[in-house]
Amino acid sequence: MTSRHRARRRGGFTLLEVIVSLAIMGVGIVAVIEAYGAAMRLSLQDEFLTTATFLASGKMEEVIKETYITAGQDEGDFGEEFPDFTWSVEIADSEIEGLELVTVTVYWSVATLDDYLVLSTALRENDPNAAAGGGGAR
């Protein structure tokens, strides 16, 4: 009978073994869920960064196409199509004469994701006399 008794004990799991295995599985499941959440946040962040890049490029093109580039600041939003995004433009004199530094910053705030993107370039300063036809001998 002793050998039967031993065979029975070896055939199943003890309560302690079941509890330990459930604890290990629980930790594993929590880790997988946290990794999935982090991946979703990164994906969302990349989506906003891509959108902000396109919006900043478009705003920079608007500034470049302006007839006169003069030092100053402006800000606004992108309307109903991009309600979570705002922009600011700063044009400042550079250390090099005849160049203006143009900085476009796009901000976004969605849920807990607050961030911004900065796009900068240097442009030639406009001569207001050139457009009026003055400023040079013929």
N, C-alpha and C. Protein backbone atom coordinates (compact mmCIF):
# COMPACT_ATOMS: atom_id res chain seq x y z
N MET A 1 0.80 -1.20 0.00
CA MET A 1 0.00 0.00 0.00
C MET A 1 0.84 1.27 0.00
N THR A 2 1.98 1.13 0.45
CA THR A 2 2.84 2.30 0.51
C THR A 2 3.19 2.78 -0.90
N SER A 3 3.39 1.88 -1.83
CA SER A 3 3.73 2.30 -3.18
C SER A 3 2.54 2.96 -3.87
N ARG A 4 1.33 2.51 -3.60
CA ARG A 4 0.14 3.16 -4.15
C ARG A 4 -0.01 4.57 -3.59
N HIS A 5 0.24 4.68 -2.32
CA HIS A 5 0.12 5.98 -1.67
C HIS A 5 1.10 6.99 -2.29
N ARG A 6 2.29 6.56 -2.59
CA ARG A 6 3.30 7.43 -3.22
C ARG A 6 2.90 7.77 -4.66
N ALA A 7 2.36 6.82 -5.37
CA ALA A 7 1.96 7.07 -6.75
C ALA A 7 0.85 8.11 -6.81
N ARG A 8 -0.05 8.10 -5.89
CA ARG A 8 -1.11 9.09 -5.86
C ARG A 8 -0.57 10.49 -5.61
N ARG A 9 0.32 10.63 -4.74
CA ARG A 9 0.87 11.95 -4.41
C ARG A 9 1.64 12.52 -5.59
N ARG A 10 2.27 11.70 -6.38
CA ARG A 10 3.05 12.18 -7.52
C ARG A 10 2.16 12.50 -8.73
N GLY A 11 0.96 12.05 -8.75
CA GLY A 11 0.09 12.22 -9.89
C GLY A 11 -0.53 13.60 -10.04
N GLY A 12 -0.58 14.44 -9.03
CA GLY A 12 -1.24 15.73 -9.14
C GLY A 12 -0.39 16.86 -8.59
N PHE A 13 -0.97 18.08 -8.64
CA PHE A 13 -0.28 19.27 -8.13
C PHE A 13 -0.79 19.58 -6.73
N THR A 14 0.08 20.12 -5.93
CA THR A 14 -0.35 20.55 -4.61
C THR A 14 -0.96 21.94 -4.72
N LEU A 15 -1.68 22.33 -3.72
CA LEU A 15 -2.29 23.66 -3.70
C LEU A 15 -1.24 24.75 -3.80
N LEU A 16 -0.11 24.57 -3.15
CA LEU A 16 0.97 25.55 -3.19
C LEU A 16 1.52 25.71 -4.61
N GLU A 17 1.69 24.62 -5.32
CA GLU A 17 2.18 24.68 -6.70
C GLU A 17 1.19 25.42 -7.60
N VAL A 18 -0.08 25.19 -7.42
CA VAL A 18 -1.11 25.87 -8.22
C VAL A 18 -1.09 27.37 -7.92
N ILE A 19 -0.98 27.75 -6.66
CA ILE A 19 -0.96 29.17 -6.29
C ILE A 19 0.27 29.86 -6.86
N VAL A 20 1.42 29.22 -6.79
CA VAL A 20 2.66 29.80 -7.33
C VAL A 20 2.54 29.96 -8.84
N SER A 21 2.04 28.96 -9.54
CA SER A 21 1.91 29.07 -11.00
C SER A 21 0.91 30.15 -11.39
N LEU A 22 -0.18 30.30 -10.65
CA LEU A 22 -1.15 31.38 -10.93
C LEU A 22 -0.52 32.75 -10.69
N ALA A 23 0.30 32.87 -9.66
CA ALA A 23 0.98 34.14 -9.39
C ALA A 23 1.93 34.49 -10.52
N ILE A 24 2.69 33.51 -11.00
CA ILE A 24 3.62 33.75 -12.11
C ILE A 24 2.86 34.15 -13.37
N MET A 25 1.76 33.46 -13.65
CA MET A 25 0.95 33.81 -14.82
C MET A 25 0.36 35.21 -14.68
N GLY A 26 -0.06 35.57 -13.47
CA GLY A 26 -0.62 36.90 -13.25
C GLY A 26 0.40 37.99 -13.51
N VAL A 27 1.64 37.79 -13.04
CA VAL A 27 2.70 38.78 -13.29
C VAL A 27 2.97 38.88 -14.78
N GLY A 28 2.99 37.74 -15.45
CA GLY A 28 3.22 37.75 -16.91
C GLY A 28 2.13 38.48 -17.66
N ILE A 29 0.89 38.26 -17.28
CA ILE A 29 -0.24 38.92 -17.96
C ILE A 29 -0.18 40.42 -17.73
N VAL A 30 0.13 40.84 -16.51
CA VAL A 30 0.24 42.28 -16.22
C VAL A 30 1.35 42.91 -17.06
N ALA A 31 2.48 42.22 -17.21
CA ALA A 31 3.59 42.74 -18.01
C ALA A 31 3.18 42.88 -19.47
N VAL A 32 2.46 41.91 -20.00
CA VAL A 32 2.00 41.97 -21.39
C VAL A 32 1.03 43.13 -21.58
N ILE A 33 0.12 43.32 -20.65
CA ILE A 33 -0.86 44.41 -20.76
C ILE A 33 -0.15 45.76 -20.70
N GLU A 34 0.83 45.92 -19.81
CA GLU A 34 1.57 47.17 -19.72
C GLU A 34 2.37 47.43 -20.99
N ALA A 35 2.97 46.40 -21.56
CA ALA A 35 3.73 46.55 -22.80
C ALA A 35 2.80 46.97 -23.94
N TYR A 36 1.61 46.39 -23.99
CA TYR A 36 0.64 46.77 -25.02
C TYR A 36 0.22 48.23 -24.87
N GLY A 37 -0.02 48.66 -23.63
CA GLY A 37 -0.39 50.05 -23.38
C GLY A 37 0.72 51.01 -23.78
N ALA A 38 1.96 50.65 -23.47
CA ALA A 38 3.09 51.50 -23.85
C ALA A 38 3.23 51.58 -25.36
N ALA A 39 3.01 50.46 -26.04
CA ALA A 39 3.09 50.46 -27.51
C ALA A 39 2.00 51.33 -28.11
N MET A 40 0.80 51.30 -27.54
CA MET A 40 -0.29 52.14 -28.03
C MET A 40 0.02 53.62 -27.82
N ARG A 41 0.59 53.97 -26.65
CA ARG A 41 0.96 55.37 -26.40
C ARG A 41 2.01 55.84 -27.39
N LEU A 42 3.02 55.00 -27.66
CA LEU A 42 4.06 55.37 -28.62
C LEU A 42 3.49 55.53 -30.02
N SER A 43 2.58 54.66 -30.39
CA SER A 43 1.94 54.75 -31.70
C SER A 43 1.15 56.05 -31.83
N LEU A 44 0.42 56.40 -30.78
CA LEU A 44 -0.35 57.64 -30.77
C LEU A 44 0.58 58.85 -30.82
N GLN A 45 1.67 58.78 -30.07
CA GLN A 45 2.64 59.88 -30.06
C GLN A 45 3.26 60.06 -31.45
N ASP A 46 3.58 58.96 -32.12
CA ASP A 46 4.13 59.03 -33.48
C ASP A 46 3.12 59.63 -34.45
N GLU A 47 1.86 59.29 -34.28
CA GLU A 47 0.82 59.85 -35.15
C GLU A 47 0.73 61.36 -34.98
N PHE A 48 0.76 61.83 -33.74
CA PHE A 48 0.70 63.28 -33.49
C PHE A 48 1.96 63.98 -34.00
N LEU A 49 3.11 63.35 -33.85
CA LEU A 49 4.36 63.93 -34.33
C LEU A 49 4.36 64.05 -35.85
N THR A 50 3.85 63.04 -36.53
CA THR A 50 3.76 63.09 -37.99
C THR A 50 2.81 64.20 -38.43
N THR A 51 1.65 64.30 -37.79
CA THR A 51 0.69 65.36 -38.12
C THR A 51 1.30 66.73 -37.86
N ALA A 52 1.98 66.89 -36.73
CA ALA A 52 2.60 68.17 -36.38
C ALA A 52 3.68 68.54 -37.39
N THR A 53 4.41 67.56 -37.89
CA THR A 53 5.45 67.83 -38.88
C THR A 53 4.85 68.39 -40.17
N PHE A 54 3.78 67.77 -40.63
CA PHE A 54 3.11 68.27 -41.84
C PHE A 54 2.51 69.65 -41.62
N LEU A 55 1.90 69.87 -40.47
CA LEU A 55 1.31 71.18 -40.18
C LEU A 55 2.39 72.27 -40.08
N ALA A 56 3.50 71.95 -39.44
CA ALA A 56 4.60 72.93 -39.31
C ALA A 56 5.19 73.25 -40.68
N SER A 57 5.35 72.24 -41.52
CA SER A 57 5.88 72.47 -42.87
C SER A 57 4.94 73.37 -43.67
N GLY A 58 3.65 73.12 -43.56
CA GLY A 58 2.68 73.95 -44.27
C GLY A 58 2.69 75.39 -43.78
N LYS A 59 2.79 75.58 -42.47
CA LYS A 59 2.83 76.93 -41.91
C LYS A 59 4.12 77.63 -42.34
N MET A 60 5.23 76.90 -42.39
CA MET A 60 6.50 77.47 -42.83
C MET A 60 6.39 77.91 -44.29
N GLU A 61 5.75 77.11 -45.12
CA GLU A 61 5.55 77.49 -46.53
C GLU A 61 4.72 78.77 -46.65
N GLU A 62 3.70 78.90 -45.80
CA GLU A 62 2.90 80.13 -45.81
C GLU A 62 3.77 81.34 -45.49
N VAL A 63 4.64 81.21 -44.50
CA VAL A 63 5.51 82.32 -44.11
C VAL A 63 6.49 82.64 -45.24
N ILE A 64 7.06 81.62 -45.86
CA ILE A 64 8.04 81.84 -46.93
C ILE A 64 7.39 82.54 -48.13
N LYS A 65 6.13 82.24 -48.41
CA LYS A 65 5.44 82.82 -49.56
C LYS A 65 5.00 84.27 -49.33
N GLU A 66 5.06 84.74 -48.08
CA GLU A 66 4.65 86.11 -47.80
C GLU A 66 5.54 87.09 -48.56
N THR A 67 4.96 88.21 -48.96
CA THR A 67 5.70 89.21 -49.71
C THR A 67 6.79 89.85 -48.87
N TYR A 68 6.47 90.16 -47.63
CA TYR A 68 7.44 90.81 -46.74
C TYR A 68 7.65 89.96 -45.51
N ILE A 69 8.90 89.68 -45.22
CA ILE A 69 9.27 88.97 -44.00
C ILE A 69 9.82 90.02 -43.05
N THR A 70 9.11 90.26 -41.98
CA THR A 70 9.57 91.22 -40.99
C THR A 70 9.54 90.58 -39.61
N ALA A 71 10.40 91.07 -38.74
CA ALA A 71 10.50 90.51 -37.39
C ALA A 71 9.16 90.66 -36.66
N GLY A 72 8.82 89.65 -35.88
CA GLY A 72 7.59 89.69 -35.10
C GLY A 72 7.14 88.30 -34.73
N GLN A 73 5.97 88.23 -34.07
CA GLN A 73 5.41 86.96 -33.63
C GLN A 73 3.94 86.89 -34.00
N ASP A 74 3.48 85.66 -34.18
CA ASP A 74 2.07 85.43 -34.46
C ASP A 74 1.73 84.04 -33.95
N GLU A 75 0.46 83.80 -33.69
CA GLU A 75 0.04 82.48 -33.25
C GLU A 75 -1.41 82.25 -33.64
N GLY A 76 -1.80 80.99 -33.63
CA GLY A 76 -3.17 80.65 -33.99
C GLY A 76 -3.40 79.15 -33.89
N ASP A 77 -4.50 78.70 -34.51
CA ASP A 77 -4.80 77.28 -34.51
C ASP A 77 -5.02 76.82 -35.95
N PHE A 78 -5.27 75.54 -36.11
CA PHE A 78 -5.43 74.97 -37.45
C PHE A 78 -6.89 74.70 -37.76
N GLY A 79 -7.79 75.31 -37.03
CA GLY A 79 -9.21 75.18 -37.31
C GLY A 79 -9.82 73.89 -36.83
N GLU A 80 -11.02 73.62 -37.33
CA GLU A 80 -11.78 72.45 -36.89
C GLU A 80 -11.18 71.14 -37.36
N GLU A 81 -10.40 71.19 -38.43
CA GLU A 81 -9.82 69.95 -38.96
C GLU A 81 -8.76 69.36 -38.02
N PHE A 82 -8.04 70.24 -37.31
CA PHE A 82 -7.01 69.81 -36.36
C PHE A 82 -7.21 70.57 -35.04
N PRO A 83 -8.25 70.25 -34.30
CA PRO A 83 -8.60 71.03 -33.10
C PRO A 83 -7.59 70.92 -31.96
N ASP A 84 -6.78 69.87 -31.94
CA ASP A 84 -5.85 69.68 -30.83
C ASP A 84 -4.48 70.32 -31.08
N PHE A 85 -4.32 70.99 -32.22
CA PHE A 85 -3.04 71.56 -32.60
C PHE A 85 -3.12 73.08 -32.68
N THR A 86 -2.10 73.76 -32.18
CA THR A 86 -1.96 75.21 -32.32
C THR A 86 -0.55 75.50 -32.84
N TRP A 87 -0.35 76.73 -33.31
CA TRP A 87 0.95 77.09 -33.85
C TRP A 87 1.38 78.46 -33.36
N SER A 88 2.68 78.70 -33.42
CA SER A 88 3.22 80.04 -33.22
C SER A 88 4.37 80.21 -34.20
N VAL A 89 4.51 81.43 -34.69
CA VAL A 89 5.60 81.77 -35.62
C VAL A 89 6.36 82.94 -35.02
N GLU A 90 7.68 82.81 -34.99
CA GLU A 90 8.53 83.90 -34.53
C GLU A 90 9.55 84.19 -35.62
N ILE A 91 9.62 85.46 -36.01
CA ILE A 91 10.60 85.90 -36.99
C ILE A 91 11.50 86.89 -36.28
N ALA A 92 12.80 86.60 -36.28
CA ALA A 92 13.75 87.44 -35.55
C ALA A 92 14.95 87.75 -36.44
N ASP A 93 15.58 88.87 -36.16
CA ASP A 93 16.81 89.21 -36.87
C ASP A 93 17.90 88.22 -36.49
N SER A 94 18.71 87.83 -37.45
CA SER A 94 19.82 86.92 -37.16
C SER A 94 21.10 87.73 -36.97
N GLU A 95 22.15 87.03 -36.60
CA GLU A 95 23.45 87.69 -36.45
C GLU A 95 24.05 88.05 -37.79
N ILE A 96 23.56 87.43 -38.85
CA ILE A 96 24.04 87.71 -40.20
C ILE A 96 23.12 88.74 -40.83
N GLU A 97 23.70 89.85 -41.26
CA GLU A 97 22.88 90.93 -41.83
C GLU A 97 22.19 90.44 -43.10
N GLY A 98 20.92 90.76 -43.21
CA GLY A 98 20.14 90.39 -44.37
C GLY A 98 19.38 89.08 -44.21
N LEU A 99 19.57 88.40 -43.08
CA LEU A 99 18.85 87.15 -42.85
C LEU A 99 17.92 87.27 -41.65
N GLU A 100 16.79 86.65 -41.78
CA GLU A 100 15.81 86.57 -40.70
C GLU A 100 15.70 85.11 -40.28
N LEU A 101 15.62 84.84 -38.99
CA LEU A 101 15.40 83.50 -38.49
C LEU A 101 13.89 83.28 -38.30
N VAL A 102 13.37 82.27 -38.94
CA VAL A 102 11.95 81.96 -38.85
C VAL A 102 11.80 80.65 -38.07
N THR A 103 11.00 80.70 -37.00
CA THR A 103 10.77 79.52 -36.18
C THR A 103 9.27 79.27 -36.10
N VAL A 104 8.85 78.10 -36.54
CA VAL A 104 7.46 77.68 -36.45
C VAL A 104 7.39 76.59 -35.38
N THR A 105 6.52 76.78 -34.40
CA THR A 105 6.32 75.79 -33.35
C THR A 105 4.88 75.32 -33.39
N VAL A 106 4.68 74.01 -33.42
CA VAL A 106 3.35 73.42 -33.39
C VAL A 106 3.20 72.69 -32.06
N TYR A 107 2.14 73.02 -31.35
CA TYR A 107 1.85 72.41 -30.06
C TYR A 107 0.63 71.50 -30.19
N TRP A 108 0.61 70.43 -29.44
CA TRP A 108 -0.59 69.60 -29.38
C TRP A 108 -0.81 69.11 -27.97
N SER A 109 -2.09 68.97 -27.64
CA SER A 109 -2.47 68.52 -26.31
C SER A 109 -3.68 67.61 -26.45
N VAL A 110 -3.46 66.31 -26.27
CA VAL A 110 -4.53 65.33 -26.37
C VAL A 110 -4.42 64.42 -25.17
N ALA A 111 -5.48 64.38 -24.37
CA ALA A 111 -5.49 63.57 -23.14
C ALA A 111 -4.27 63.91 -22.31
N THR A 112 -3.37 62.97 -22.13
CA THR A 112 -2.17 63.23 -21.33
C THR A 112 -0.94 63.47 -22.19
N LEU A 113 -1.12 63.55 -23.51
CA LEU A 113 0.00 63.77 -24.41
C LEU A 113 0.10 65.25 -24.76
N ASP A 114 1.00 65.96 -24.10
CA ASP A 114 1.28 67.36 -24.41
C ASP A 114 2.70 67.42 -24.95
N ASP A 115 2.85 67.99 -26.13
CA ASP A 115 4.19 68.05 -26.72
C ASP A 115 4.22 69.16 -27.76
N TYR A 116 5.38 69.37 -28.35
CA TYR A 116 5.51 70.39 -29.39
C TYR A 116 6.62 69.99 -30.35
N LEU A 117 6.60 70.62 -31.53
CA LEU A 117 7.60 70.41 -32.57
C LEU A 117 8.06 71.77 -33.04
N VAL A 118 9.36 71.95 -33.22
CA VAL A 118 9.92 73.22 -33.66
C VAL A 118 10.59 73.02 -35.01
N LEU A 119 10.27 73.92 -35.95
CA LEU A 119 10.86 73.92 -37.28
C LEU A 119 11.45 75.30 -37.53
N SER A 120 12.72 75.37 -37.91
CA SER A 120 13.38 76.67 -38.09
C SER A 120 14.08 76.73 -39.42
N THR A 121 14.22 77.96 -39.92
CA THR A 121 14.97 78.21 -41.15
C THR A 121 15.43 79.66 -41.15
N ALA A 122 16.29 79.99 -42.08
CA ALA A 122 16.75 81.37 -42.26
C ALA A 122 16.31 81.84 -43.64
N LEU A 123 15.77 83.06 -43.70
CA LEU A 123 15.31 83.63 -44.96
C LEU A 123 15.94 84.98 -45.18
N ARG A 124 16.07 85.35 -46.44
CA ARG A 124 16.57 86.69 -46.74
C ARG A 124 15.55 87.72 -46.31
N GLU A 125 16.07 88.78 -45.76
CA GLU A 125 15.22 89.90 -45.33
C GLU A 125 14.70 90.60 -46.58
N ASN A 126 13.42 90.95 -46.58
CA ASN A 126 12.83 91.65 -47.72
C ASN A 126 13.17 93.12 -47.67
N ASP A 127 13.39 93.68 -48.86
CA ASP A 127 13.63 95.11 -48.98
C ASP A 127 12.32 95.76 -49.39
N PRO A 128 11.69 96.54 -48.48
CA PRO A 128 10.39 97.13 -48.80
C PRO A 128 10.47 98.09 -49.99
N ASN A 129 11.61 98.67 -50.26
CA ASN A 129 11.75 99.60 -51.40
C ASN A 129 11.77 98.86 -52.73
N ALA A 130 12.22 97.62 -52.75
CA ALA A 130 12.33 96.86 -53.99
C ALA A 130 10.95 96.62 -54.58
N ALA A 131 9.96 96.32 -53.77
CA ALA A 131 8.61 96.04 -54.27
C ALA A 131 7.95 97.31 -54.79
N ALA A 132 8.32 98.48 -54.25
CA ALA A 132 7.71 99.73 -54.67
C ALA A 132 8.39 100.30 -55.92
N GLY A 133 9.43 99.66 -56.38
CA GLY A 133 10.08 100.14 -57.59
C GLY A 133 11.24 101.09 -57.29
N GLY A 134 11.46 101.42 -56.05
CA GLY A 134 12.56 102.33 -55.72
C GLY A 134 13.78 101.56 -55.28
N GLY A 135 14.76 102.27 -54.82
CA GLY A 135 15.91 101.64 -54.24
C GLY A 135 17.03 101.34 -55.22
N GLY A 136 16.96 101.83 -56.44
CA GLY A 136 18.06 101.54 -57.36
C GLY A 136 18.02 102.48 -58.57
N ALA A 137 19.19 102.75 -59.13
CA ALA A 137 19.27 103.62 -60.32
C ALA A 137 19.03 102.78 -61.55
N ARG A 138 18.46 103.41 -62.54
CA ARG A 138 18.17 102.70 -63.80
C ARG A 138 19.15 103.08 -64.84
